[in-house]
Amino acid sequence: MKIGYHIENPSISGDPRFKAVMAALQGGGAELYALRSRKDILPGTAMVLSLGGDGTFLSTAHLVAEEGLPILGVNFGRMGFLSYVKPDDVAAPLLEGRYKVEDRAMLRVDVDGPAPEDWWPFALNEAGLFRSAPETLGIEASVGGMQLPTYWADGLMAATASGSTAYNLSAGGPICTPEAPVLMLTAVAPHNLGIRPLVVPSDKSILMKGTARSGRMSLSLDNRCYSVPTGTSIRISSAPFSLRRVNIGPDNFIDALRERLFWGQDVRNMPR
């Protein structure tokens, strides 16, 4: 089995847990190689290990999702919804074939005008327009051709079901199970008292156009940001491919909410 691996934090390469995972996989006959760019992908690669946290997983998706390569997120970070597997639990299931591959919906973003430099138009968690100066944006938006009220806010994002527990959650958006075929439209720090998150079918296109006094905005796709002029229109729709995520063992989404976000914990009734 040929396996690539991607690391963002160089200190991980000196971590004893990393060395143990590599030794166990190589000892079982796996061929390993470091993957730093798309040009590094070798023919016959079975999957790619993303070694770090969820941010590293998003960077790995940037490199290999369009190629259809499955990604296993190995958690060397703090909190992982995408990278949840502990290093000690990786080698045996992979070598013995005890894993499955699931599909996660992705977004495609089209820009009205010249694309920013180093542009990759896909995102796994969310995409949207955000302020790049200390001012409120006015964002016109529509869903499936239906015009929405103007959003006055720090930003407006469209999130996938996978991204519901990421920036969308921090901004007060709803939580969705990863397989739900929906998109969430969530404003960041809205200055309209009546603004609420909106859940729409994932087969609908979302159009956004922002205005600001400074003349600039940030166009964000996952962990990548691009500076664009105000007046730029973007179209967000479902990508023509899915991200393929390797799943080892039980990955209960509700249990993950309890363990990683402490959902339902009541400090009044915790043991003292």
C-alpha atoms as a PDB file:
ATOM      1  CA  MET A   1       0.000   0.000   0.000  1.00  0.00           C
ATOM      2  CA  LYS A   2       1.374   3.392  -1.037  1.00  0.00           C
ATOM      3  CA  ILE A   3       0.494   6.153   1.449  1.00  0.00           C
ATOM      4  CA  GLY A   4       1.328   9.836   1.285  1.00  0.00           C
ATOM      5  CA  TYR A   5       1.407  12.047   4.358  1.00  0.00           C
ATOM      6  CA  HIS A   6       1.090  15.791   4.798  1.00  0.00           C
ATOM      7  CA  ILE A   7       2.383  17.877   7.736  1.00  0.00           C
ATOM      8  CA  GLU A   8       1.929  21.627   8.272  1.00  0.00           C
ATOM      9  CA  ASN A   9       3.648  21.891  11.672  1.00  0.00           C
ATOM     10  CA  PRO A  10       7.313  20.823  11.263  1.00  0.00           C
ATOM     11  CA  SER A  11       7.593  19.891  14.955  1.00  0.00           C
ATOM     12  CA  ILE A  12       5.338  16.866  14.359  1.00  0.00           C
ATOM     13  CA  SER A  13       8.115  15.147  12.398  1.00  0.00           C
ATOM     14  CA  GLY A  14      10.097  14.957  15.650  1.00  0.00           C
ATOM     15  CA  ASP A  15       7.170  13.696  17.724  1.00  0.00           C
ATOM     16  CA  PRO A  16       7.708  10.113  19.004  1.00  0.00           C
ATOM     17  CA  ARG A  17       4.097   9.320  18.068  1.00  0.00           C
ATOM     18  CA  PHE A  18       4.791  10.272  14.448  1.00  0.00           C
ATOM     19  CA  LYS A  19       7.894   8.111  14.350  1.00  0.00           C
ATOM     20  CA  ALA A  20       5.957   5.195  15.857  1.00  0.00           C
ATOM     21  CA  VAL A  21       3.172   5.457  13.256  1.00  0.00           C
ATOM     22  CA  MET A  22       5.658   5.595  10.386  1.00  0.00           C
ATOM     23  CA  ALA A  23       7.631   2.631  11.734  1.00  0.00           C
ATOM     24  CA  ALA A  24       4.505   0.530  12.252  1.00  0.00           C
ATOM     25  CA  LEU A  25       3.197   1.211   8.745  1.00  0.00           C
ATOM     26  CA  GLN A  26       6.541   0.571   7.094  1.00  0.00           C
ATOM     27  CA  GLY A  27       6.973  -2.558   9.168  1.00  0.00           C
ATOM     28  CA  GLY A  28       3.646  -3.787   7.756  1.00  0.00           C
ATOM     29  CA  GLY A  29       4.792  -3.228   4.193  1.00  0.00           C
ATOM     30  CA  ALA A  30       3.386   0.247   3.491  1.00  0.00           C
ATOM     31  CA  GLU A  31       5.342   2.567   1.209  1.00  0.00           C
ATOM     32  CA  LEU A  32       5.335   6.089   2.680  1.00  0.00           C
ATOM     33  CA  TYR A  33       6.250   9.457   1.189  1.00  0.00           C
ATOM     34  CA  ALA A  34       5.904  13.121   2.173  1.00  0.00           C
ATOM     35  CA  LEU A  35       3.403  15.192   0.204  1.00  0.00           C
ATOM     36  CA  ARG A  36       3.938  18.944   0.107  1.00  0.00           C
ATOM     37  CA  SER A  37       2.270  19.898  -3.193  1.00  0.00           C
ATOM     38  CA  ARG A  38       0.092  18.360  -5.883  1.00  0.00           C
ATOM     39  CA  LYS A  39       3.227  17.656  -7.909  1.00  0.00           C
ATOM     40  CA  ASP A  40       4.383  15.246  -5.191  1.00  0.00           C
ATOM     41  CA  ILE A  41       1.424  12.850  -5.646  1.00  0.00           C
ATOM     42  CA  LEU A  42       2.715   9.472  -6.802  1.00  0.00           C
ATOM     43  CA  PRO A  43       0.752   7.110  -9.064  1.00  0.00           C
ATOM     44  CA  GLY A  44      -0.905   4.280  -7.169  1.00  0.00           C
ATOM     45  CA  THR A  45      -1.335   6.236  -3.925  1.00  0.00           C
ATOM     46  CA  ALA A  46      -4.065   4.567  -1.851  1.00  0.00           C
ATOM     47  CA  MET A  47      -4.633   7.403   0.615  1.00  0.00           C
ATOM     48  CA  VAL A  48      -3.067  10.400   2.314  1.00  0.00           C
ATOM     49  CA  LEU A  49      -2.515  10.885   6.039  1.00  0.00           C
ATOM     50  CA  SER A  50      -3.158  14.389   7.330  1.00  0.00           C
ATOM     51  CA  LEU A  51      -1.006  14.738  10.451  1.00  0.00           C
ATOM     52  CA  GLY A  52      -2.097  17.598  12.711  1.00  0.00           C
ATOM     53  CA  GLY A  53      -5.492  19.117  13.437  1.00  0.00           C
ATOM     54  CA  ASP A  54      -8.500  20.169  11.403  1.00  0.00           C
ATOM     55  CA  GLY A  55      -6.570  23.070   9.849  1.00  0.00           C
ATOM     56  CA  THR A  56      -4.020  20.628   8.483  1.00  0.00           C
ATOM     57  CA  PHE A  57      -6.869  18.463   7.180  1.00  0.00           C
ATOM     58  CA  LEU A  58      -8.211  21.446   5.206  1.00  0.00           C
ATOM     59  CA  SER A  59      -4.754  22.083   3.747  1.00  0.00           C
ATOM     60  CA  THR A  60      -4.465  18.420   2.796  1.00  0.00           C
ATOM     61  CA  ALA A  61      -7.871  18.614   1.105  1.00  0.00           C
ATOM     62  CA  HIS A  62      -6.552  21.559  -0.902  1.00  0.00           C
ATOM     63  CA  LEU A  63      -3.791  19.296  -2.225  1.00  0.00           C
ATOM     64  CA  VAL A  64      -5.578  16.028  -2.964  1.00  0.00           C
ATOM     65  CA  ALA A  65      -9.404  16.310  -2.816  1.00  0.00           C
ATOM     66  CA  GLU A  66      -9.747  17.085  -6.513  1.00  0.00           C
ATOM     67  CA  GLU A  67      -7.624  14.008  -7.282  1.00  0.00           C
ATOM     68  CA  GLY A  68     -10.123  11.788  -5.435  1.00  0.00           C
ATOM     69  CA  LEU A  69      -7.552  10.549  -2.919  1.00  0.00           C
ATOM     70  CA  PRO A  70      -9.002   9.522   0.469  1.00  0.00           C
ATOM     71  CA  ILE A  71      -7.708  11.441   3.493  1.00  0.00           C
ATOM     72  CA  LEU A  72      -7.264  10.103   7.012  1.00  0.00           C
ATOM     73  CA  GLY A  73      -6.979  12.830   9.625  1.00  0.00           C
ATOM     74  CA  VAL A  74      -4.586  11.859  12.418  1.00  0.00           C
ATOM     75  CA  ASN A  75      -4.978  14.145  15.419  1.00  0.00           C
ATOM     76  CA  PHE A  76      -1.808  15.783  16.704  1.00  0.00           C
ATOM     77  CA  GLY A  77      -3.752  18.958  17.505  1.00  0.00           C
ATOM     78  CA  ARG A  78      -6.338  20.014  20.082  1.00  0.00           C
ATOM     79  CA  MET A  79      -9.874  19.409  18.843  1.00  0.00           C
ATOM     80  CA  GLY A  80     -10.653  17.368  15.767  1.00  0.00           C
ATOM     81  CA  PHE A  81     -13.907  16.800  13.936  1.00  0.00           C
ATOM     82  CA  LEU A  82     -12.129  16.018  10.669  1.00  0.00           C
ATOM     83  CA  SER A  83      -8.909  14.754  12.281  1.00  0.00           C
ATOM     84  CA  TYR A  84     -10.090  12.612  15.139  1.00  0.00           C
ATOM     85  CA  VAL A  85      -7.974   9.421  15.029  1.00  0.00           C
ATOM     86  CA  LYS A  86      -5.231   9.098  17.642  1.00  0.00           C
ATOM     87  CA  PRO A  87      -1.762   8.247  16.290  1.00  0.00           C
ATOM     88  CA  ASP A  88      -1.669   4.949  18.195  1.00  0.00           C
ATOM     89  CA  ASP A  89      -4.865   3.798  16.463  1.00  0.00           C
ATOM     90  CA  VAL A  90      -3.750   4.243  12.852  1.00  0.00           C
ATOM     91  CA  ALA A  91      -1.434   1.448  11.711  1.00  0.00           C
ATOM     92  CA  ALA A  92      -3.331  -1.767  12.483  1.00  0.00           C
ATOM     93  CA  PRO A  93      -6.686  -0.815  10.894  1.00  0.00           C
ATOM     94  CA  LEU A  94      -5.000   0.468   7.726  1.00  0.00           C
ATOM     95  CA  LEU A  95      -2.758  -2.557   7.298  1.00  0.00           C
ATOM     96  CA  GLU A  96      -5.656  -4.938   7.983  1.00  0.00           C
ATOM     97  CA  GLY A  97      -8.133  -3.076   5.776  1.00  0.00           C
ATOM     98  CA  ARG A  98     -10.456  -2.256   8.690  1.00  0.00           C
ATOM     99  CA  TYR A  99     -11.594   1.143   7.464  1.00  0.00           C
ATOM    100  CA  LYS A 100     -14.193   2.687   5.202  1.00  0.00           C
ATOM    101  CA  VAL A 101     -14.254   5.744   2.973  1.00  0.00           C
ATOM    102  CA  GLU A 102     -17.089   8.261   3.193  1.00  0.00           C
ATOM    103  CA  ASP A 103     -17.938  11.195   0.944  1.00  0.00           C
ATOM    104  CA  ARG A 104     -18.159  14.754   2.245  1.00  0.00           C
ATOM    105  CA  ALA A 105     -19.789  17.482   0.144  1.00  0.00           C
ATOM    106  CA  MET A 106     -17.633  20.403  -0.978  1.00  0.00           C
ATOM    107  CA  LEU A 107     -18.329  23.910  -2.276  1.00  0.00           C
ATOM    108  CA  ARG A 108     -17.333  25.572  -5.527  1.00  0.00           C
ATOM    109  CA  VAL A 109     -16.851  29.352  -5.610  1.00  0.00           C
ATOM    110  CA  ASP A 110     -16.921  31.336  -8.861  1.00  0.00           C
ATOM    111  CA  VAL A 111     -15.797  34.967  -8.910  1.00  0.00           C
ATOM    112  CA  ASP A 112     -17.212  37.667 -11.178  1.00  0.00           C
ATOM    113  CA  GLY A 113     -13.997  39.090 -12.525  1.00  0.00           C
ATOM    114  CA  PRO A 114     -10.326  38.101 -12.449  1.00  0.00           C
ATOM    115  CA  ALA A 115      -9.623  35.267 -10.030  1.00  0.00           C
ATOM    116  CA  PRO A 116      -7.223  36.052  -7.176  1.00  0.00           C
ATOM    117  CA  GLU A 117      -3.648  34.796  -7.368  1.00  0.00           C
ATOM    118  CA  ASP A 118      -3.120  31.134  -6.337  1.00  0.00           C
ATOM    119  CA  TRP A 119      -6.859  30.569  -6.711  1.00  0.00           C
ATOM    120  CA  TRP A 120      -8.381  27.162  -5.944  1.00  0.00           C
ATOM    121  CA  PRO A 121     -12.175  27.488  -6.118  1.00  0.00           C
ATOM    122  CA  PHE A 122     -13.196  24.727  -3.697  1.00  0.00           C
ATOM    123  CA  ALA A 123     -13.866  24.543   0.045  1.00  0.00           C
ATOM    124  CA  LEU A 124     -14.891  21.825   2.467  1.00  0.00           C
ATOM    125  CA  ASN A 125     -16.198  23.830   5.445  1.00  0.00           C
ATOM    126  CA  GLU A 126     -17.340  27.273   4.321  1.00  0.00           C
ATOM    127  CA  ALA A 127     -16.914  30.149   1.898  1.00  0.00           C
ATOM    128  CA  GLY A 128     -18.025  33.763   2.089  1.00  0.00           C
ATOM    129  CA  LEU A 129     -17.325  37.478   2.131  1.00  0.00           C
ATOM    130  CA  PHE A 130     -15.885  39.204   5.204  1.00  0.00           C
ATOM    131  CA  ARG A 131     -14.724  42.663   6.153  1.00  0.00           C
ATOM    132  CA  SER A 132     -11.033  43.481   5.754  1.00  0.00           C
ATOM    133  CA  ALA A 133     -11.238  46.810   7.633  1.00  0.00           C
ATOM    134  CA  PRO A 134     -13.027  47.921  10.829  1.00  0.00           C
ATOM    135  CA  GLU A 135     -16.328  48.604   9.092  1.00  0.00           C
ATOM    136  CA  THR A 136     -19.652  46.901   8.439  1.00  0.00           C
ATOM    137  CA  LEU A 137     -20.246  45.247   5.084  1.00  0.00           C
ATOM    138  CA  GLY A 138     -23.485  45.530   3.160  1.00  0.00           C
ATOM    139  CA  ILE A 139     -24.013  42.158   1.483  1.00  0.00           C
ATOM    140  CA  GLU A 140     -26.694  41.476  -1.096  1.00  0.00           C
ATOM    141  CA  ALA A 141     -27.476  37.764  -1.352  1.00  0.00           C
ATOM    142  CA  SER A 142     -29.850  35.440  -3.138  1.00  0.00           C
ATOM    143  CA  VAL A 143     -30.566  31.709  -2.940  1.00  0.00           C
ATOM    144  CA  GLY A 144     -31.742  29.886  -6.036  1.00  0.00           C
ATOM    145  CA  GLY A 145     -32.677  33.227  -7.603  1.00  0.00           C
ATOM    146  CA  MET A 146     -34.701  34.370  -4.568  1.00  0.00           C
ATOM    147  CA  GLN A 147     -33.453  37.704  -3.232  1.00  0.00           C
ATOM    148  CA  LEU A 148     -32.766  37.904   0.508  1.00  0.00           C
ATOM    149  CA  PRO A 149     -32.758  41.025   2.709  1.00  0.00           C
ATOM    150  CA  THR A 150     -29.476  42.951   2.745  1.00  0.00           C
ATOM    151  CA  TYR A 151     -27.075  41.702   5.401  1.00  0.00           C
ATOM    152  CA  TRP A 152     -25.243  44.392   7.399  1.00  0.00           C
ATOM    153  CA  ALA A 153     -22.539  42.434   9.183  1.00  0.00           C
ATOM    154  CA  ASP A 154     -18.854  41.639   9.519  1.00  0.00           C
ATOM    155  CA  GLY A 155     -19.369  38.888   6.987  1.00  0.00           C
ATOM    156  CA  LEU A 156     -21.632  36.269   5.481  1.00  0.00           C
ATOM    157  CA  MET A 157     -20.712  32.626   4.944  1.00  0.00           C
ATOM    158  CA  ALA A 158     -22.201  29.585   3.300  1.00  0.00           C
ATOM    159  CA  ALA A 159     -21.262  26.433   5.197  1.00  0.00           C
ATOM    160  CA  THR A 160     -21.563  22.752   4.342  1.00  0.00           C
ATOM    161  CA  ALA A 161     -22.890  20.166   6.766  1.00  0.00           C
ATOM    162  CA  SER A 162     -19.266  19.186   7.488  1.00  0.00           C
ATOM    163  CA  GLY A 163     -18.507  22.826   8.244  1.00  0.00           C
ATOM    164  CA  SER A 164     -21.466  23.284  10.559  1.00  0.00           C
ATOM    165  CA  THR A 165     -19.237  22.639  13.598  1.00  0.00           C
ATOM    166  CA  ALA A 166     -16.506  25.030  12.400  1.00  0.00           C
ATOM    167  CA  TYR A 167     -16.788  28.804  11.820  1.00  0.00           C
ATOM    168  CA  ASN A 168     -20.534  28.429  11.314  1.00  0.00           C
ATOM    169  CA  LEU A 169     -20.916  27.151  14.888  1.00  0.00           C
ATOM    170  CA  SER A 170     -18.851  30.021  16.312  1.00  0.00           C
ATOM    171  CA  ALA A 171     -21.063  32.501  14.479  1.00  0.00           C
ATOM    172  CA  GLY A 172     -24.233  31.006  15.974  1.00  0.00           C
ATOM    173  CA  GLY A 173     -25.240  28.850  13.023  1.00  0.00           C
ATOM    174  CA  PRO A 174     -27.024  25.477  13.267  1.00  0.00           C
ATOM    175  CA  ILE A 175     -25.343  22.100  13.693  1.00  0.00           C
ATOM    176  CA  CYS A 176     -26.038  19.491  11.005  1.00  0.00           C
ATOM    177  CA  THR A 177     -25.022  15.859  10.748  1.00  0.00           C
ATOM    178  CA  PRO A 178     -22.280  15.524   8.098  1.00  0.00           C
ATOM    179  CA  GLU A 179     -24.435  13.643   5.592  1.00  0.00           C
ATOM    180  CA  ALA A 180     -27.244  16.246   5.518  1.00  0.00           C
ATOM    181  CA  PRO A 181     -27.690  17.614   1.931  1.00  0.00           C
ATOM    182  CA  VAL A 182     -27.921  21.258   3.017  1.00  0.00           C
ATOM    183  CA  LEU A 183     -26.027  24.537   3.084  1.00  0.00           C
ATOM    184  CA  MET A 184     -26.197  27.053   5.919  1.00  0.00           C
ATOM    185  CA  LEU A 185     -26.152  30.801   5.315  1.00  0.00           C
ATOM    186  CA  THR A 186     -24.851  32.453   8.489  1.00  0.00           C
ATOM    187  CA  ALA A 187     -23.979  36.097   9.143  1.00  0.00           C
ATOM    188  CA  VAL A 188     -21.028  37.071  11.341  1.00  0.00           C
ATOM    189  CA  ALA A 189     -21.827  39.807  13.892  1.00  0.00           C
ATOM    190  CA  PRO A 190     -24.927  41.063  12.040  1.00  0.00           C
ATOM    191  CA  HIS A 191     -26.190  44.569  12.760  1.00  0.00           C
ATOM    192  CA  ASN A 192     -29.771  43.604  11.877  1.00  0.00           C
ATOM    193  CA  LEU A 193     -31.752  42.458  14.912  1.00  0.00           C
ATOM    194  CA  GLY A 194     -33.942  40.158  12.820  1.00  0.00           C
ATOM    195  CA  ILE A 195     -31.173  38.294  10.982  1.00  0.00           C
ATOM    196  CA  ARG A 196     -31.086  34.538  11.621  1.00  0.00           C
ATOM    197  CA  PRO A 197     -29.144  31.686  10.001  1.00  0.00           C
ATOM    198  CA  LEU A 198     -30.849  30.137   6.987  1.00  0.00           C
ATOM    199  CA  VAL A 199     -30.702  26.457   5.955  1.00  0.00           C
ATOM    200  CA  VAL A 200     -31.172  25.779   2.229  1.00  0.00           C
ATOM    201  CA  PRO A 201     -30.929  22.726  -0.057  1.00  0.00           C
ATOM    202  CA  SER A 202     -27.404  22.027  -1.273  1.00  0.00           C
ATOM    203  CA  ASP A 203     -28.519  21.997  -4.921  1.00  0.00           C
ATOM    204  CA  LYS A 204     -29.299  25.740  -4.765  1.00  0.00           C
ATOM    205  CA  SER A 205     -26.721  28.338  -5.808  1.00  0.00           C
ATOM    206  CA  ILE A 206     -25.974  31.233  -3.479  1.00  0.00           C
ATOM    207  CA  LEU A 207     -24.974  34.622  -4.896  1.00  0.00           C
ATOM    208  CA  MET A 208     -23.248  37.290  -2.782  1.00  0.00           C
ATOM    209  CA  LYS A 209     -22.101  40.845  -3.511  1.00  0.00           C
ATOM    210  CA  GLY A 210     -20.588  43.106  -0.863  1.00  0.00           C
ATOM    211  CA  THR A 211     -20.003  46.839  -0.481  1.00  0.00           C
ATOM    212  CA  ALA A 212     -17.768  48.700   1.986  1.00  0.00           C
ATOM    213  CA  ARG A 213     -16.298  52.202   2.314  1.00  0.00           C
ATOM    214  CA  SER A 214     -12.717  50.918   2.247  1.00  0.00           C
ATOM    215  CA  GLY A 215     -13.192  49.411  -1.198  1.00  0.00           C
ATOM    216  CA  ARG A 216     -11.807  46.002  -0.184  1.00  0.00           C
ATOM    217  CA  MET A 217     -13.196  42.772   1.264  1.00  0.00           C
ATOM    218  CA  SER A 218     -11.862  39.337   2.178  1.00  0.00           C
ATOM    219  CA  LEU A 219     -13.067  36.338   0.220  1.00  0.00           C
ATOM    220  CA  SER A 220     -12.559  33.313   2.455  1.00  0.00           C
ATOM    221  CA  LEU A 221     -12.533  29.640   1.480  1.00  0.00           C
ATOM    222  CA  ASP A 222     -11.825  27.444   4.509  1.00  0.00           C
ATOM    223  CA  ASN A 223      -8.393  28.475   5.791  1.00  0.00           C
ATOM    224  CA  ARG A 224      -7.508  30.558   2.705  1.00  0.00           C
ATOM    225  CA  CYS A 225      -8.254  34.283   2.346  1.00  0.00           C
ATOM    226  CA  TYR A 226      -8.100  36.501  -0.738  1.00  0.00           C
ATOM    227  CA  SER A 227      -8.418  40.273  -0.953  1.00  0.00           C
ATOM    228  CA  VAL A 228     -11.028  41.367  -3.504  1.00  0.00           C
ATOM    229  CA  PRO A 229     -12.550  44.762  -4.385  1.00  0.00           C
ATOM    230  CA  THR A 230     -16.007  45.637  -3.109  1.00  0.00           C
ATOM    231  CA  GLY A 231     -18.643  45.057  -5.708  1.00  0.00           C
ATOM    232  CA  THR A 232     -17.178  41.665  -6.517  1.00  0.00           C
ATOM    233  CA  SER A 233     -19.895  39.044  -6.941  1.00  0.00           C
ATOM    234  CA  ILE A 234     -19.353  35.425  -5.957  1.00  0.00           C
ATOM    235  CA  ARG A 235     -21.419  32.359  -6.742  1.00  0.00           C
ATOM    236  CA  ILE A 236     -21.335  29.458  -4.267  1.00  0.00           C
ATOM    237  CA  SER A 237     -22.599  26.063  -5.361  1.00  0.00           C
ATOM    238  CA  SER A 238     -21.946  22.384  -4.724  1.00  0.00           C
ATOM    239  CA  ALA A 239     -18.628  21.151  -6.100  1.00  0.00           C
ATOM    240  CA  PRO A 240     -18.687  18.494  -8.855  1.00  0.00           C
ATOM    241  CA  PHE A 241     -16.759  16.105  -6.601  1.00  0.00           C
ATOM    242  CA  SER A 242     -16.753  15.080  -2.953  1.00  0.00           C
ATOM    243  CA  LEU A 243     -13.945  14.891  -0.462  1.00  0.00           C
ATOM    244  CA  ARG A 244     -13.193  11.259   0.371  1.00  0.00           C
ATOM    245  CA  ARG A 245     -12.566  10.850   4.109  1.00  0.00           C
ATOM    246  CA  VAL A 246     -11.159   7.684   5.656  1.00  0.00           C
ATOM    247  CA  ASN A 247     -13.110   6.548   8.690  1.00  0.00           C
ATOM    248  CA  ILE A 248     -11.569   4.142  11.204  1.00  0.00           C
ATOM    249  CA  GLY A 249     -13.825   2.486  13.744  1.00  0.00           C
ATOM    250  CA  PRO A 250     -16.867   4.127  15.305  1.00  0.00           C
ATOM    251  CA  ASP A 251     -17.183   7.825  14.468  1.00  0.00           C
ATOM    252  CA  ASN A 252     -20.412   8.811  16.174  1.00  0.00           C
ATOM    253  CA  PHE A 253     -21.148  12.455  15.417  1.00  0.00           C
ATOM    254  CA  ILE A 254     -23.344  12.968  18.491  1.00  0.00           C
ATOM    255  CA  ASP A 255     -20.696  11.431  20.756  1.00  0.00           C
ATOM    256  CA  ALA A 256     -18.163  13.790  19.158  1.00  0.00           C
ATOM    257  CA  LEU A 257     -20.340  16.771  20.086  1.00  0.00           C
ATOM    258  CA  ARG A 258     -20.495  15.547  23.672  1.00  0.00           C
ATOM    259  CA  GLU A 259     -16.763  14.846  23.951  1.00  0.00           C
ATOM    260  CA  ARG A 260     -15.283  17.745  21.985  1.00  0.00           C
ATOM    261  CA  LEU A 261     -17.820  20.512  22.543  1.00  0.00           C
ATOM    262  CA  PHE A 262     -19.132  19.312  25.927  1.00  0.00           C
ATOM    263  CA  TRP A 263     -22.695  19.282  24.590  1.00  0.00           C
ATOM    264  CA  GLY A 264     -25.209  18.623  27.341  1.00  0.00           C
ATOM    265  CA  GLN A 265     -22.729  18.917  30.208  1.00  0.00           C
ATOM    266  CA  ASP A 266     -24.219  20.661  33.209  1.00  0.00           C
ATOM    267  CA  VAL A 267     -21.663  21.987  35.676  1.00  0.00           C
ATOM    268  CA  ARG A 268     -24.333  21.970  38.378  1.00  0.00           C
ATOM    269  CA  ASN A 269     -24.486  18.179  38.294  1.00  0.00           C
ATOM    270  CA  MET A 270     -20.828  17.299  37.689  1.00  0.00           C
ATOM    271  CA  PRO A 271     -18.917  15.424  40.429  1.00  0.00           C
ATOM    272  CA  ARG A 272     -16.983  17.729  42.710  1.00  0.00           C
END
